[in-house]
């Protein structure tokens, strides 16, 4: 269970260490884009409920039932592409401790997957003596996004010793790619992820807007935000869930999630943004950003941020 909590908070991240770790710094416009999804531009008119036959439930149903968004990540294994990964870790006062930059080429063109390091830079307190990263957050970031062990980037099955981590990742994927569904086996917060269930909906407001995405794609932006009176309470864990829908086919193109929770067992405060775009071959991820901190008993609180950019997809 402790291992899962460590993994869960990577996406849930963000600890305010049980009254000893300071809160995250103020969320300024520089720190958090006001439109949440970076490449969204809102039209002058707000979409009215019921217009064009749309309702809140239409968006909720699509969020709960969609599989194409996650399939875009799974499809990465069929492409070669360049990834730029920029990771920064901080101390408890949000002073920079380490910087990790890697530009990688993921080559899936041959019979077996290959990874080429084009450029890399490590500065600060990055590694332990055994060669592993200092922070578990960065260790799992590498595991998931750099193919340090295995990842969605390859067709390889996880090794025997990695199967538990794969199980933890499945719970993590449910949270990110199927938000609104309960996650079993997570103490204290399993039901709080099911934000569209009747017992949770009373804590949230829903709004949707019209706009464009990636410059010219006509989209809707559906925002689910905790009501002001509950935003700092323990009634909710997900503070905001914003989803971008293609107007032409109702496909999900982007997602922003803001989560925060604090109790005697663990605490976290994290924001994560995922942006997809169309290519000749389908829908694929182009940008992932994360910033947060987390804390659990007997472990050092971790503060980190990262930006991932994917470029030059080739079938």
Protein backbone atom coordinates (compact mmCIF):
# COMPACT_ATOMS: atom_id res chain seq x y z
CA UNK A 1 0.00 0.00 0.00
CA UNK A 2 2.84 2.40 0.81
CA UNK A 3 4.27 1.87 -2.68
CA UNK A 4 0.93 2.71 -4.22
CA UNK A 5 0.59 5.90 -2.21
CA UNK A 6 4.01 6.95 -3.45
CA UNK A 7 2.95 6.39 -7.03
CA UNK A 8 -0.51 7.85 -6.58
CA UNK A 9 0.80 11.14 -5.33
CA UNK A 10 2.95 11.59 -8.43
CA UNK A 11 -0.20 12.62 -10.11
CA UNK A 12 -1.86 13.56 -6.91
CA UNK A 13 1.36 15.12 -5.72
CA UNK A 14 1.98 17.83 -3.37
CA UNK A 15 2.29 17.56 0.22
CA UNK A 16 1.87 20.19 2.77
CA UNK A 17 3.81 18.17 5.27
CA UNK A 18 1.49 17.70 8.18
CA UNK A 19 1.80 21.25 9.47
CA UNK A 20 5.57 21.19 9.05
CA UNK A 21 5.90 21.66 5.30
CA UNK A 22 4.78 25.08 4.01
CA UNK A 23 1.93 25.44 1.58
CA UNK A 24 2.65 25.71 -2.13
CA UNK A 25 3.44 29.24 -3.32
CA UNK A 26 0.56 31.43 -4.56
CA UNK A 27 -0.88 30.27 -7.87
CA UNK A 28 -0.14 33.30 -10.03
CA UNK A 29 -0.96 33.65 -13.72
CA UNK A 30 2.70 32.94 -14.46
CA UNK A 31 2.44 29.74 -12.43
CA UNK A 32 -0.95 28.61 -13.72
CA UNK A 33 -2.41 29.63 -17.07
CA UNK A 34 -5.87 31.20 -16.43
CA UNK A 35 -7.43 29.13 -19.22
CA UNK A 36 -5.84 26.01 -17.70
CA UNK A 37 -5.27 24.33 -21.05
CA UNK A 38 -2.48 26.37 -22.58
CA UNK A 39 -3.58 26.33 -26.22
CA UNK A 40 -7.26 27.18 -25.64
CA UNK A 41 -8.63 30.58 -26.70
CA UNK A 42 -12.15 31.40 -25.56
CA UNK A 43 -14.77 32.94 -27.84
CA UNK A 44 -16.47 36.15 -26.76
CA UNK A 45 -19.74 34.30 -26.08
CA UNK A 46 -20.19 31.70 -23.37
CA UNK A 47 -22.09 28.61 -24.45
CA UNK A 48 -25.56 28.46 -22.90
CA UNK A 49 -26.83 25.21 -21.44
CA UNK A 50 -29.12 23.48 -23.88
CA UNK A 51 -27.75 25.31 -26.91
CA UNK A 52 -27.32 22.99 -29.91
CA UNK A 53 -28.81 20.23 -27.81
CA UNK A 54 -25.89 20.18 -25.38
CA UNK A 55 -26.20 19.77 -21.64
CA UNK A 56 -23.89 19.14 -18.70
CA UNK A 57 -24.73 15.45 -18.86
CA UNK A 58 -23.56 15.21 -22.50
CA UNK A 59 -20.07 16.26 -21.43
CA UNK A 60 -20.08 14.09 -18.31
CA UNK A 61 -21.16 11.00 -20.28
CA UNK A 62 -18.35 11.51 -22.77
CA UNK A 63 -15.76 11.98 -20.01
CA UNK A 64 -16.87 8.76 -18.31
CA UNK A 65 -17.11 6.68 -21.49
CA UNK A 66 -14.29 8.00 -23.67
CA UNK A 67 -11.37 5.69 -24.44
CA UNK A 68 -9.78 7.49 -27.41
CA UNK A 69 -7.92 10.01 -25.21
CA UNK A 70 -6.04 7.24 -23.40
CA UNK A 71 -5.67 5.27 -26.62
CA UNK A 72 -3.67 8.19 -27.98
CA UNK A 73 -1.06 7.50 -25.29
CA UNK A 74 -1.09 3.76 -25.94
CA UNK A 75 -0.60 4.42 -29.66
CA UNK A 76 2.74 6.12 -28.99
CA UNK A 77 4.40 2.71 -29.17
CA UNK A 78 3.64 2.63 -32.91
CA UNK A 79 5.61 5.82 -33.66
CA UNK A 80 9.09 7.21 -33.58
CA UNK A 81 9.33 10.71 -32.09
CA UNK A 82 11.49 13.19 -30.23
CA UNK A 83 10.77 14.00 -26.59
CA UNK A 84 12.05 16.98 -24.63
CA UNK A 85 11.79 16.37 -20.89
CA UNK A 86 12.52 19.17 -18.42
CA UNK A 87 12.34 18.30 -14.71
CA UNK A 88 13.04 20.57 -11.73
CA UNK A 89 13.04 19.53 -8.07
CA UNK A 90 12.76 21.90 -5.11
CA UNK A 91 13.27 22.05 -1.36
CA UNK A 92 10.36 22.67 1.02
CA UNK A 93 10.64 26.45 0.46
CA UNK A 94 10.34 25.94 -3.31
CA UNK A 95 13.98 26.81 -3.88
CA UNK A 96 15.43 24.90 -6.83
CA UNK A 97 17.53 21.88 -5.85
CA UNK A 98 18.09 19.98 -9.10
CA UNK A 99 17.49 20.32 -12.83
CA UNK A 100 17.22 17.40 -15.22
CA UNK A 101 16.92 18.00 -18.97
CA UNK A 102 16.83 15.28 -21.60
CA UNK A 103 16.16 15.34 -25.32
CA UNK A 104 15.45 11.79 -26.46
CA UNK A 105 14.63 10.06 -29.71
CA UNK A 106 12.26 7.13 -29.25
CA UNK A 107 12.81 4.84 -32.24
CA UNK A 108 10.09 2.28 -32.93
CA UNK A 109 10.93 1.92 -36.64
CA UNK A 110 12.75 -1.41 -36.34
CA UNK A 111 11.97 -4.85 -34.92
CA UNK A 112 12.89 -3.67 -31.40
CA UNK A 113 12.53 -0.38 -29.55
CA UNK A 114 15.61 1.85 -29.26
CA UNK A 115 16.18 5.07 -27.37
CA UNK A 116 18.82 7.63 -28.34
CA UNK A 117 19.88 10.44 -26.03
CA UNK A 118 20.34 13.57 -28.15
CA UNK A 119 21.12 15.97 -25.32
CA UNK A 120 21.04 15.84 -21.53
CA UNK A 121 21.90 18.01 -18.56
CA UNK A 122 21.87 17.13 -14.86
CA UNK A 123 22.65 19.73 -12.22
CA UNK A 124 22.22 19.79 -8.46
CA UNK A 125 21.37 16.92 -6.15
CA UNK A 126 19.91 14.51 -8.73
CA UNK A 127 21.08 10.95 -7.93
CA UNK A 128 21.62 8.66 -4.96
CA UNK A 129 24.82 6.65 -4.58
CA UNK A 130 23.11 3.63 -6.17
CA UNK A 131 22.45 5.64 -9.33
CA UNK A 132 18.70 6.06 -8.76
CA UNK A 133 17.05 9.44 -8.65
CA UNK A 134 16.87 11.18 -5.27
CA UNK A 135 13.10 11.70 -5.47
CA UNK A 136 10.55 8.96 -6.03
CA UNK A 137 8.53 11.45 -8.09
CA UNK A 138 11.40 11.75 -10.58
CA UNK A 139 12.07 8.01 -10.46
CA UNK A 140 8.49 7.28 -11.50
CA UNK A 141 8.53 10.10 -14.04
CA UNK A 142 11.49 8.37 -15.69
CA UNK A 143 9.77 4.99 -15.43
CA UNK A 144 6.61 6.22 -17.14
CA UNK A 145 7.92 8.78 -19.64
CA UNK A 146 11.51 7.83 -20.45
CA UNK A 147 11.30 4.04 -20.65
CA UNK A 148 13.79 3.54 -17.83
CA UNK A 149 12.20 0.13 -17.22
CA UNK A 150 9.15 -0.21 -19.42
CA UNK A 151 6.46 2.16 -20.60
CA UNK A 152 3.68 2.81 -23.08
CA UNK A 153 6.41 3.76 -25.56
CA UNK A 154 7.27 0.12 -26.27
CA UNK A 155 5.62 -3.19 -27.02
CA UNK A 156 7.62 -4.94 -24.31
CA UNK A 157 5.88 -6.59 -21.35
CA UNK A 158 6.97 -5.54 -17.85
CA UNK A 159 9.60 -7.68 -16.18
CA UNK A 160 8.60 -9.88 -13.25
CA UNK A 161 9.68 -7.40 -10.61
CA UNK A 162 7.75 -4.57 -12.27
CA UNK A 163 4.27 -6.11 -12.20
CA UNK A 164 3.33 -4.46 -8.90
CA UNK A 165 4.30 -1.07 -10.30
CA UNK A 166 2.20 -1.80 -13.37
CA UNK A 167 -0.76 -2.43 -11.05
CA UNK A 168 -0.20 0.88 -9.30
CA UNK A 169 0.06 2.60 -12.67
CA UNK A 170 -3.35 1.22 -13.66
CA UNK A 171 -4.94 3.05 -10.71
CA UNK A 172 -3.03 6.16 -11.69
CA UNK A 173 -4.28 5.87 -15.27
CA UNK A 174 -7.88 5.61 -14.05
CA UNK A 175 -7.48 8.91 -12.25
CA UNK A 176 -5.98 10.74 -15.23
CA UNK A 177 -7.66 9.10 -18.20
CA UNK A 178 -11.03 8.17 -16.67
CA UNK A 179 -11.66 10.94 -14.13
CA UNK A 180 -14.99 10.82 -12.36
CA UNK A 181 -14.75 7.12 -11.60
CA UNK A 182 -14.03 5.70 -8.13
CA UNK A 183 -10.60 4.17 -7.55
CA UNK A 184 -10.68 1.10 -5.36
CA UNK A 185 -8.01 0.35 -2.81
CA UNK A 186 -7.05 3.95 -2.00
CA UNK A 187 -7.86 4.75 1.65
CA UNK A 188 -9.79 7.92 2.54
CA UNK A 189 -10.18 9.23 -1.00
CA UNK A 190 -11.52 6.38 -3.19
CA UNK A 191 -15.03 7.86 -3.40
CA UNK A 192 -13.82 11.45 -3.73
CA UNK A 193 -12.59 10.78 -7.27
CA UNK A 194 -16.16 9.90 -8.39
CA UNK A 195 -17.09 13.55 -8.79
CA UNK A 196 -20.02 12.88 -11.12
CA UNK A 197 -21.82 10.53 -8.74
CA UNK A 198 -24.95 11.97 -7.04
CA UNK A 199 -23.35 12.18 -3.59
CA UNK A 200 -20.41 14.21 -4.99
CA UNK A 201 -22.13 16.40 -7.59
CA UNK A 202 -23.57 18.67 -4.91
CA UNK A 203 -20.05 19.92 -4.20
CA UNK A 204 -19.33 21.09 -7.77
CA UNK A 205 -20.31 23.73 -10.33
CA UNK A 206 -20.27 22.99 -14.08
CA UNK A 207 -19.63 25.45 -16.92
CA UNK A 208 -18.82 25.11 -20.59
CA UNK A 209 -17.47 27.58 -23.09
CA UNK A 210 -16.81 27.86 -26.83
CA UNK A 211 -13.38 28.54 -28.29
CA UNK A 212 -10.49 27.34 -30.43
CA UNK A 213 -7.62 24.99 -29.63
CA UNK A 214 -4.15 24.71 -31.20
CA UNK A 215 -4.97 27.78 -33.25
CA UNK A 216 -7.87 26.65 -35.40
CA UNK A 217 -9.67 23.60 -33.97
CA UNK A 218 -13.22 24.57 -32.86
CA UNK A 219 -13.76 23.24 -29.34
CA UNK A 220 -15.82 23.32 -26.16
CA UNK A 221 -14.17 23.69 -22.76
CA UNK A 222 -16.06 21.96 -19.96
CA UNK A 223 -15.05 23.00 -16.44
CA UNK A 224 -15.99 21.14 -13.29
CA UNK A 225 -14.90 23.20 -10.26
CA UNK A 226 -15.46 22.77 -6.53
CA UNK A 227 -17.95 25.26 -5.16
CA UNK A 228 -16.29 28.14 -3.26
CA UNK A 229 -17.57 26.95 0.11
CA UNK A 230 -15.95 23.51 -0.41
CA UNK A 231 -12.72 24.44 -2.21
CA UNK A 232 -10.64 24.22 0.99
CA UNK A 233 -12.65 21.52 2.73
CA UNK A 234 -11.98 17.79 2.98
CA UNK A 235 -15.26 17.09 1.16
CA UNK A 236 -13.48 17.25 -2.19
CA UNK A 237 -10.11 16.12 -3.49
CA UNK A 238 -10.41 17.24 -7.12
CA UNK A 239 -10.58 21.03 -7.09
CA UNK A 240 -10.91 21.43 -10.85
CA UNK A 241 -11.29 19.15 -13.85
CA UNK A 242 -11.26 20.90 -17.22
CA UNK A 243 -11.73 18.98 -20.46
CA UNK A 244 -11.41 20.19 -24.06
CA UNK A 245 -13.80 18.68 -26.66
CA UNK A 246 -13.54 18.91 -30.45
CA UNK A 247 -16.85 20.44 -31.62
CA UNK A 248 -16.75 18.42 -34.83
CA UNK A 249 -16.68 14.95 -33.28
CA UNK A 250 -16.81 15.52 -29.50
CA UNK A 251 -13.38 13.93 -29.15
CA UNK A 252 -11.43 14.84 -26.01
CA UNK A 253 -8.28 16.79 -26.94
CA UNK A 254 -7.01 18.12 -23.63
CA UNK A 255 -7.37 17.77 -19.89
CA UNK A 256 -6.33 19.77 -16.82
CA UNK A 257 -6.69 18.46 -13.27
CA UNK A 258 -6.07 20.23 -9.97
CA UNK A 259 -6.08 18.04 -6.86
CA UNK A 260 -5.38 18.77 -3.21
CA UNK A 261 -5.90 16.82 -0.02
CA UNK A 262 -4.47 16.81 3.49
CA UNK A 263 -5.10 14.35 6.33
CA UNK A 264 -3.14 12.46 8.98
CA UNK A 265 -2.02 9.76 6.51
CA UNK A 266 -0.75 11.84 3.60
CA UNK A 267 -1.16 15.16 1.84
CA UNK A 268 -0.68 16.39 -1.70
CA UNK A 269 -1.29 19.41 -3.93
CA UNK A 270 -0.81 18.96 -7.66
CA UNK A 271 -1.74 20.42 -11.00
CA UNK A 272 -1.32 18.44 -14.22
CA UNK A 273 -2.15 19.36 -17.82
CA UNK A 274 -2.27 17.07 -20.88
CA UNK A 275 -2.64 18.33 -24.45
CA UNK A 276 -3.23 16.21 -27.55
CA UNK A 277 -3.28 17.05 -31.26
CA UNK A 278 -4.19 15.41 -34.55
CA UNK A 279 -1.57 13.93 -36.85
CA UNK A 280 -1.97 12.08 -40.14
CA UNK A 281 -2.15 8.87 -38.15
CA UNK A 282 -4.48 9.91 -35.34
CA UNK A 283 -4.62 11.69 -31.98
CA UNK A 284 -1.33 11.80 -30.03
CA UNK A 285 0.00 13.68 -26.94
CA UNK A 286 2.10 16.77 -27.58
CA UNK A 287 2.55 18.40 -24.17
CA UNK A 288 2.32 17.33 -20.52
CA UNK A 289 2.99 19.65 -17.59
CA UNK A 290 3.03 18.94 -13.87
CA UNK A 291 3.72 20.88 -10.69
CA UNK A 292 3.13 19.73 -7.15
CA UNK A 293 4.34 18.45 -3.83
CA UNK A 294 3.39 15.53 -1.60
CA UNK A 295 4.18 14.02 1.77
CA UNK A 296 3.55 10.70 3.52
CA UNK A 297 4.81 9.55 6.92
CA UNK A 298 8.43 8.36 7.15
CA UNK A 299 9.28 9.81 3.72
CA UNK A 300 10.82 13.12 2.79
CA UNK A 301 8.29 15.54 1.28
CA UNK A 302 8.84 15.91 -2.47
CA UNK A 303 8.46 19.06 -4.56
CA UNK A 304 8.84 18.89 -8.33
CA UNK A 305 7.67 20.16 -11.70
CA UNK A 306 8.14 18.91 -15.22
CA UNK A 307 7.35 19.79 -18.81
CA UNK A 308 7.24 17.15 -21.55
CA UNK A 309 7.04 18.04 -25.24
CA UNK A 310 6.66 15.43 -28.01
CA UNK A 311 7.77 16.39 -31.51
CA UNK A 312 8.10 14.90 -34.97
CA UNK A 313 5.91 11.80 -34.84
CA UNK A 314 6.68 9.27 -37.60
CA UNK A 315 4.59 6.15 -38.20
